[in-house]
Amino acid sequence: MTTTTTYIAFLRAINVSGRTVKMERLRALFAELGLGNVRSYIQTGNVFFTTEEPADEPTAGAARAALTGRIEEHLERSLGYPVPVMLRTVDEVAGLLAAEPFRGVAVTPDVRLVLAFLSEPLPASLPLPFRSPKGNVEVLGADQGAAYVVVRQDGKWVTEGMFGKAYQGSVTSRFLHTTEKILAAARKA
């Protein structure tokens, strides 16, 4: 049995560090893979699309991993550099936001709430909550696909190394309010 699934592809390394890709080109690259209803949101590498995939869980997980690999290979071949891709369904992102992972965090002008999308779960050895040595980054919690991070704007912060050397996966981050807007845009037909 198959079902139509709407995915949000959170891309890393798009329109940063001189790696500029127009959204029209990015949408075309996704369409070249036979993905349907391809759309994008803002210039930071957020692409929505539909695809037919298996509905039963063991096969669905393998299908998602294969699709992620196809997208990453196509983007690297076409753009000339690796672009890690974190695929999430619309329902998964909605569930993340509905869980209110930042409940109780006081937002001030120098506090940013960040969803860090993960290519693999955080290591079990990382104690949560976790605070960086400088105290400017606090990881409140995580599930298999995302970590919930509070960033205090006392200077530059980066996702590389945010979870220590034990984490070997890829990470791409979006502010909470941006993720809410991405979800709203993905839900539009």
C-alpha atoms as a PDB file:
ATOM      1  CA  MET A   1       0.000   0.000   0.000  1.00  0.00           C
ATOM      2  CA  THR A   2       1.247   3.532  -0.812  1.00  0.00           C
ATOM      3  CA  THR A   3       0.185   6.976   0.266  1.00  0.00           C
ATOM      4  CA  THR A   4       0.917  10.533  -0.802  1.00  0.00           C
ATOM      5  CA  THR A   5       3.163  12.242   1.714  1.00  0.00           C
ATOM      6  CA  THR A   6       4.020  15.924   1.943  1.00  0.00           C
ATOM      7  CA  TYR A   7       7.581  16.477   3.103  1.00  0.00           C
ATOM      8  CA  ILE A   8       9.455  19.530   4.236  1.00  0.00           C
ATOM      9  CA  ALA A   9      13.122  19.291   3.285  1.00  0.00           C
ATOM     10  CA  PHE A  10      15.236  21.353   5.667  1.00  0.00           C
ATOM     11  CA  LEU A  11      18.482  21.901   3.774  1.00  0.00           C
ATOM     12  CA  ARG A  12      21.814  22.832   5.234  1.00  0.00           C
ATOM     13  CA  ALA A  13      24.416  24.940   3.404  1.00  0.00           C
ATOM     14  CA  ILE A  14      21.998  26.801   1.126  1.00  0.00           C
ATOM     15  CA  ASN A  15      22.612  30.538   0.698  1.00  0.00           C
ATOM     16  CA  VAL A  16      25.339  30.716   3.323  1.00  0.00           C
ATOM     17  CA  SER A  17      29.093  31.111   2.992  1.00  0.00           C
ATOM     18  CA  GLY A  18      28.900  32.143  -0.658  1.00  0.00           C
ATOM     19  CA  ARG A  19      26.853  29.113  -1.710  1.00  0.00           C
ATOM     20  CA  THR A  20      24.019  30.963  -3.399  1.00  0.00           C
ATOM     21  CA  VAL A  21      21.160  29.099  -5.035  1.00  0.00           C
ATOM     22  CA  LYS A  22      18.071  30.837  -6.366  1.00  0.00           C
ATOM     23  CA  MET A  23      14.876  29.205  -5.150  1.00  0.00           C
ATOM     24  CA  GLU A  24      13.662  28.709  -8.727  1.00  0.00           C
ATOM     25  CA  ARG A  25      16.761  26.591  -9.421  1.00  0.00           C
ATOM     26  CA  LEU A  26      16.363  24.675  -6.160  1.00  0.00           C
ATOM     27  CA  ARG A  27      12.716  23.873  -6.942  1.00  0.00           C
ATOM     28  CA  ALA A  28      13.747  22.705 -10.419  1.00  0.00           C
ATOM     29  CA  LEU A  29      16.338  20.351  -8.921  1.00  0.00           C
ATOM     30  CA  PHE A  30      13.663  18.737  -6.736  1.00  0.00           C
ATOM     31  CA  ALA A  31      11.267  18.496  -9.685  1.00  0.00           C
ATOM     32  CA  GLU A  32      13.984  16.741 -11.722  1.00  0.00           C
ATOM     33  CA  LEU A  33      13.722  13.889  -9.197  1.00  0.00           C
ATOM     34  CA  GLY A  34      10.041  13.403 -10.059  1.00  0.00           C
ATOM     35  CA  LEU A  35       8.780  14.940  -6.830  1.00  0.00           C
ATOM     36  CA  GLY A  36       5.356  16.613  -6.991  1.00  0.00           C
ATOM     37  CA  ASN A  37       3.986  20.025  -6.033  1.00  0.00           C
ATOM     38  CA  VAL A  38       7.480  21.409  -5.324  1.00  0.00           C
ATOM     39  CA  ARG A  39       7.507  24.749  -3.511  1.00  0.00           C
ATOM     40  CA  SER A  40       9.981  26.655  -1.362  1.00  0.00           C
ATOM     41  CA  TYR A  41       9.881  29.107   1.500  1.00  0.00           C
ATOM     42  CA  ILE A  42      12.380  31.957   1.961  1.00  0.00           C
ATOM     43  CA  GLN A  43      15.993  31.714   0.867  1.00  0.00           C
ATOM     44  CA  THR A  44      17.334  29.441   3.625  1.00  0.00           C
ATOM     45  CA  GLY A  45      16.668  26.074   2.010  1.00  0.00           C
ATOM     46  CA  ASN A  46      13.153  24.987   2.916  1.00  0.00           C
ATOM     47  CA  VAL A  47      11.489  22.938   0.177  1.00  0.00           C
ATOM     48  CA  PHE A  48       8.050  21.283   0.276  1.00  0.00           C
ATOM     49  CA  PHE A  49       7.031  18.478  -2.035  1.00  0.00           C
ATOM     50  CA  THR A  50       4.769  15.460  -2.324  1.00  0.00           C
ATOM     51  CA  THR A  51       5.738  11.908  -3.131  1.00  0.00           C
ATOM     52  CA  GLU A  52       4.180   8.464  -3.189  1.00  0.00           C
ATOM     53  CA  GLU A  53       5.698   6.141  -0.626  1.00  0.00           C
ATOM     54  CA  PRO A  54       4.954   3.003   1.349  1.00  0.00           C
ATOM     55  CA  ALA A  55       2.603   3.543   4.288  1.00  0.00           C
ATOM     56  CA  ASP A  56       3.727   0.666   6.514  1.00  0.00           C
ATOM     57  CA  GLU A  57       6.370   1.762   9.036  1.00  0.00           C
ATOM     58  CA  PRO A  58       9.358  -0.546   8.325  1.00  0.00           C
ATOM     59  CA  THR A  59       9.161   0.157   4.606  1.00  0.00           C
ATOM     60  CA  ALA A  60       8.388   3.860   5.127  1.00  0.00           C
ATOM     61  CA  GLY A  61      11.601   4.400   7.128  1.00  0.00           C
ATOM     62  CA  ALA A  62      13.723   2.748   4.463  1.00  0.00           C
ATOM     63  CA  ALA A  63      11.920   4.692   1.739  1.00  0.00           C
ATOM     64  CA  ARG A  64      12.591   7.993   3.541  1.00  0.00           C
ATOM     65  CA  ALA A  65      16.283   7.159   3.937  1.00  0.00           C
ATOM     66  CA  ALA A  66      16.523   6.247   0.244  1.00  0.00           C
ATOM     67  CA  LEU A  67      14.716   9.444  -0.773  1.00  0.00           C
ATOM     68  CA  THR A  68      17.010  11.543   1.422  1.00  0.00           C
ATOM     69  CA  GLY A  69      20.028   9.910  -0.205  1.00  0.00           C
ATOM     70  CA  ARG A  70      18.657  10.539  -3.725  1.00  0.00           C
ATOM     71  CA  ILE A  71      18.041  14.208  -2.953  1.00  0.00           C
ATOM     72  CA  GLU A  72      21.470  14.713  -1.360  1.00  0.00           C
ATOM     73  CA  GLU A  73      23.259  13.004  -4.269  1.00  0.00           C
ATOM     74  CA  HIS A  74      21.347  15.025  -6.859  1.00  0.00           C
ATOM     75  CA  LEU A  75      21.983  18.321  -5.077  1.00  0.00           C
ATOM     76  CA  GLU A  76      25.704  17.615  -4.661  1.00  0.00           C
ATOM     77  CA  ARG A  77      26.074  16.553  -8.287  1.00  0.00           C
ATOM     78  CA  SER A  78      24.143  19.605  -9.513  1.00  0.00           C
ATOM     79  CA  LEU A  79      25.527  22.258  -7.148  1.00  0.00           C
ATOM     80  CA  GLY A  80      29.056  20.960  -6.687  1.00  0.00           C
ATOM     81  CA  TYR A  81      29.016  20.691  -2.903  1.00  0.00           C
ATOM     82  CA  PRO A  82      27.285  18.509  -0.305  1.00  0.00           C
ATOM     83  CA  VAL A  83      23.878  19.637   0.955  1.00  0.00           C
ATOM     84  CA  PRO A  84      22.682  17.639   3.965  1.00  0.00           C
ATOM     85  CA  VAL A  85      18.904  17.139   3.899  1.00  0.00           C
ATOM     86  CA  MET A  86      16.631  16.563   6.890  1.00  0.00           C
ATOM     87  CA  LEU A  87      13.216  15.339   5.667  1.00  0.00           C
ATOM     88  CA  ARG A  88      10.203  15.758   7.945  1.00  0.00           C
ATOM     89  CA  THR A  89       6.540  15.266   7.182  1.00  0.00           C
ATOM     90  CA  VAL A  90       4.143  18.135   7.758  1.00  0.00           C
ATOM     91  CA  ASP A  91       2.570  16.117  10.584  1.00  0.00           C
ATOM     92  CA  GLU A  92       5.961  15.572  12.237  1.00  0.00           C
ATOM     93  CA  VAL A  93       6.742  19.291  12.226  1.00  0.00           C
ATOM     94  CA  ALA A  94       3.238  20.077  13.496  1.00  0.00           C
ATOM     95  CA  GLY A  95       3.727  17.576  16.322  1.00  0.00           C
ATOM     96  CA  LEU A  96       7.056  19.129  17.232  1.00  0.00           C
ATOM     97  CA  LEU A  97       5.487  22.551  17.527  1.00  0.00           C
ATOM     98  CA  ALA A  98       2.374  21.272  19.323  1.00  0.00           C
ATOM     99  CA  ALA A  99       4.594  19.736  22.017  1.00  0.00           C
ATOM    100  CA  GLU A 100       5.655  23.272  22.977  1.00  0.00           C
ATOM    101  CA  PRO A 101       9.274  22.274  23.641  1.00  0.00           C
ATOM    102  CA  PHE A 102      10.120  25.792  24.872  1.00  0.00           C
ATOM    103  CA  ARG A 103       7.259  26.108  27.348  1.00  0.00           C
ATOM    104  CA  GLY A 104       8.418  28.144  30.320  1.00  0.00           C
ATOM    105  CA  VAL A 105      11.436  29.730  28.612  1.00  0.00           C
ATOM    106  CA  ALA A 106      11.467  33.487  29.120  1.00  0.00           C
ATOM    107  CA  VAL A 107      12.008  35.181  25.777  1.00  0.00           C
ATOM    108  CA  THR A 108      14.021  38.384  25.903  1.00  0.00           C
ATOM    109  CA  PRO A 109      15.644  40.448  23.128  1.00  0.00           C
ATOM    110  CA  ASP A 110      18.810  38.350  23.429  1.00  0.00           C
ATOM    111  CA  VAL A 111      17.208  34.900  23.660  1.00  0.00           C
ATOM    112  CA  ARG A 112      16.457  32.888  20.504  1.00  0.00           C
ATOM    113  CA  LEU A 113      14.456  29.663  20.422  1.00  0.00           C
ATOM    114  CA  VAL A 114      15.874  27.251  17.865  1.00  0.00           C
ATOM    115  CA  LEU A 115      14.811  23.899  16.445  1.00  0.00           C
ATOM    116  CA  ALA A 116      17.891  21.982  15.364  1.00  0.00           C
ATOM    117  CA  PHE A 117      16.865  19.344  12.812  1.00  0.00           C
ATOM    118  CA  LEU A 118      19.069  16.257  13.122  1.00  0.00           C
ATOM    119  CA  SER A 119      20.108  13.649  10.575  1.00  0.00           C
ATOM    120  CA  GLU A 120      20.456  11.122  13.408  1.00  0.00           C
ATOM    121  CA  PRO A 121      19.570  11.058  17.100  1.00  0.00           C
ATOM    122  CA  LEU A 122      21.853  12.699  19.639  1.00  0.00           C
ATOM    123  CA  PRO A 123      24.241  10.338  21.422  1.00  0.00           C
ATOM    124  CA  ALA A 124      22.821   8.760  24.564  1.00  0.00           C
ATOM    125  CA  SER A 125      25.939   9.989  26.378  1.00  0.00           C
ATOM    126  CA  LEU A 126      24.878  13.645  25.973  1.00  0.00           C
ATOM    127  CA  PRO A 127      23.161  14.616  29.230  1.00  0.00           C
ATOM    128  CA  LEU A 128      20.004  16.645  28.670  1.00  0.00           C
ATOM    129  CA  PRO A 129      19.471  19.407  29.425  1.00  0.00           C
ATOM    130  CA  PHE A 130      22.954  20.384  28.284  1.00  0.00           C
ATOM    131  CA  ARG A 131      24.610  23.788  28.481  1.00  0.00           C
ATOM    132  CA  SER A 132      27.633  24.850  26.442  1.00  0.00           C
ATOM    133  CA  PRO A 133      30.802  25.754  28.355  1.00  0.00           C
ATOM    134  CA  LYS A 134      30.207  29.466  27.639  1.00  0.00           C
ATOM    135  CA  GLY A 135      26.578  29.124  28.740  1.00  0.00           C
ATOM    136  CA  ASN A 136      25.254  30.758  25.568  1.00  0.00           C
ATOM    137  CA  VAL A 137      23.662  27.579  24.173  1.00  0.00           C
ATOM    138  CA  GLU A 138      21.338  25.310  26.143  1.00  0.00           C
ATOM    139  CA  VAL A 139      19.886  22.119  24.694  1.00  0.00           C
ATOM    140  CA  LEU A 140      16.644  21.608  26.606  1.00  0.00           C
ATOM    141  CA  GLY A 141      15.775  18.252  25.126  1.00  0.00           C
ATOM    142  CA  ALA A 142      15.616  16.223  21.935  1.00  0.00           C
ATOM    143  CA  ASP A 143      13.829  13.456  20.128  1.00  0.00           C
ATOM    144  CA  GLN A 144      15.113  11.360  17.229  1.00  0.00           C
ATOM    145  CA  GLY A 145      14.675  14.146  14.689  1.00  0.00           C
ATOM    146  CA  ALA A 146      15.211  17.451  16.486  1.00  0.00           C
ATOM    147  CA  ALA A 147      16.826  19.167  19.429  1.00  0.00           C
ATOM    148  CA  TYR A 148      15.293  22.123  21.239  1.00  0.00           C
ATOM    149  CA  VAL A 149      17.902  24.796  21.752  1.00  0.00           C
ATOM    150  CA  VAL A 150      17.912  28.130  23.563  1.00  0.00           C
ATOM    151  CA  VAL A 151      20.574  30.503  22.258  1.00  0.00           C
ATOM    152  CA  ARG A 152      21.612  33.566  24.183  1.00  0.00           C
ATOM    153  CA  GLN A 153      22.824  36.164  21.709  1.00  0.00           C
ATOM    154  CA  ASP A 154      26.134  37.098  23.276  1.00  0.00           C
ATOM    155  CA  GLY A 155      27.999  36.666  20.052  1.00  0.00           C
ATOM    156  CA  LYS A 156      28.187  34.292  17.124  1.00  0.00           C
ATOM    157  CA  TRP A 157      26.890  30.752  17.500  1.00  0.00           C
ATOM    158  CA  VAL A 158      27.063  27.879  15.043  1.00  0.00           C
ATOM    159  CA  THR A 159      25.451  24.467  14.867  1.00  0.00           C
ATOM    160  CA  GLU A 160      28.770  22.710  14.194  1.00  0.00           C
ATOM    161  CA  GLY A 161      29.955  21.139  17.409  1.00  0.00           C
ATOM    162  CA  MET A 162      26.838  22.265  19.292  1.00  0.00           C
ATOM    163  CA  PHE A 163      26.379  18.720  20.599  1.00  0.00           C
ATOM    164  CA  GLY A 164      30.036  17.878  21.154  1.00  0.00           C
ATOM    165  CA  LYS A 165      32.425  15.674  19.235  1.00  0.00           C
ATOM    166  CA  ALA A 166      30.394  12.521  19.875  1.00  0.00           C
ATOM    167  CA  TYR A 167      27.671  13.686  17.478  1.00  0.00           C
ATOM    168  CA  GLN A 168      28.644  12.782  13.923  1.00  0.00           C
ATOM    169  CA  GLY A 169      25.361  13.636  12.182  1.00  0.00           C
ATOM    170  CA  SER A 170      24.304  16.714  10.252  1.00  0.00           C
ATOM    171  CA  VAL A 171      22.348  19.581  11.782  1.00  0.00           C
ATOM    172  CA  THR A 172      20.424  22.478  10.307  1.00  0.00           C
ATOM    173  CA  SER A 173      18.661  24.997  12.515  1.00  0.00           C
ATOM    174  CA  ARG A 174      15.598  27.201  12.206  1.00  0.00           C
ATOM    175  CA  PHE A 175      14.248  29.738  14.670  1.00  0.00           C
ATOM    176  CA  LEU A 176      10.972  28.666  16.276  1.00  0.00           C
ATOM    177  CA  HIS A 177       8.978  31.487  14.675  1.00  0.00           C
ATOM    178  CA  THR A 178      10.468  30.662  11.263  1.00  0.00           C
ATOM    179  CA  THR A 179       9.571  26.984  11.674  1.00  0.00           C
ATOM    180  CA  GLU A 180       5.975  27.993  12.446  1.00  0.00           C
ATOM    181  CA  LYS A 181       5.886  30.003   9.201  1.00  0.00           C
ATOM    182  CA  ILE A 182       7.473  27.151   7.231  1.00  0.00           C
ATOM    183  CA  LEU A 183       4.797  24.770   8.494  1.00  0.00           C
ATOM    184  CA  ALA A 184       1.993  27.205   7.587  1.00  0.00           C
ATOM    185  CA  ALA A 185       3.428  27.613   4.067  1.00  0.00           C
ATOM    186  CA  ALA A 186       3.825  23.837   3.627  1.00  0.00           C
ATOM    187  CA  ARG A 187       0.177  23.288   4.561  1.00  0.00           C
ATOM    188  CA  LYS A 188      -1.043  25.551   1.753  1.00  0.00           C
ATOM    189  CA  ALA A 189      -2.163  23.628  -1.302  1.00  0.00           C
END
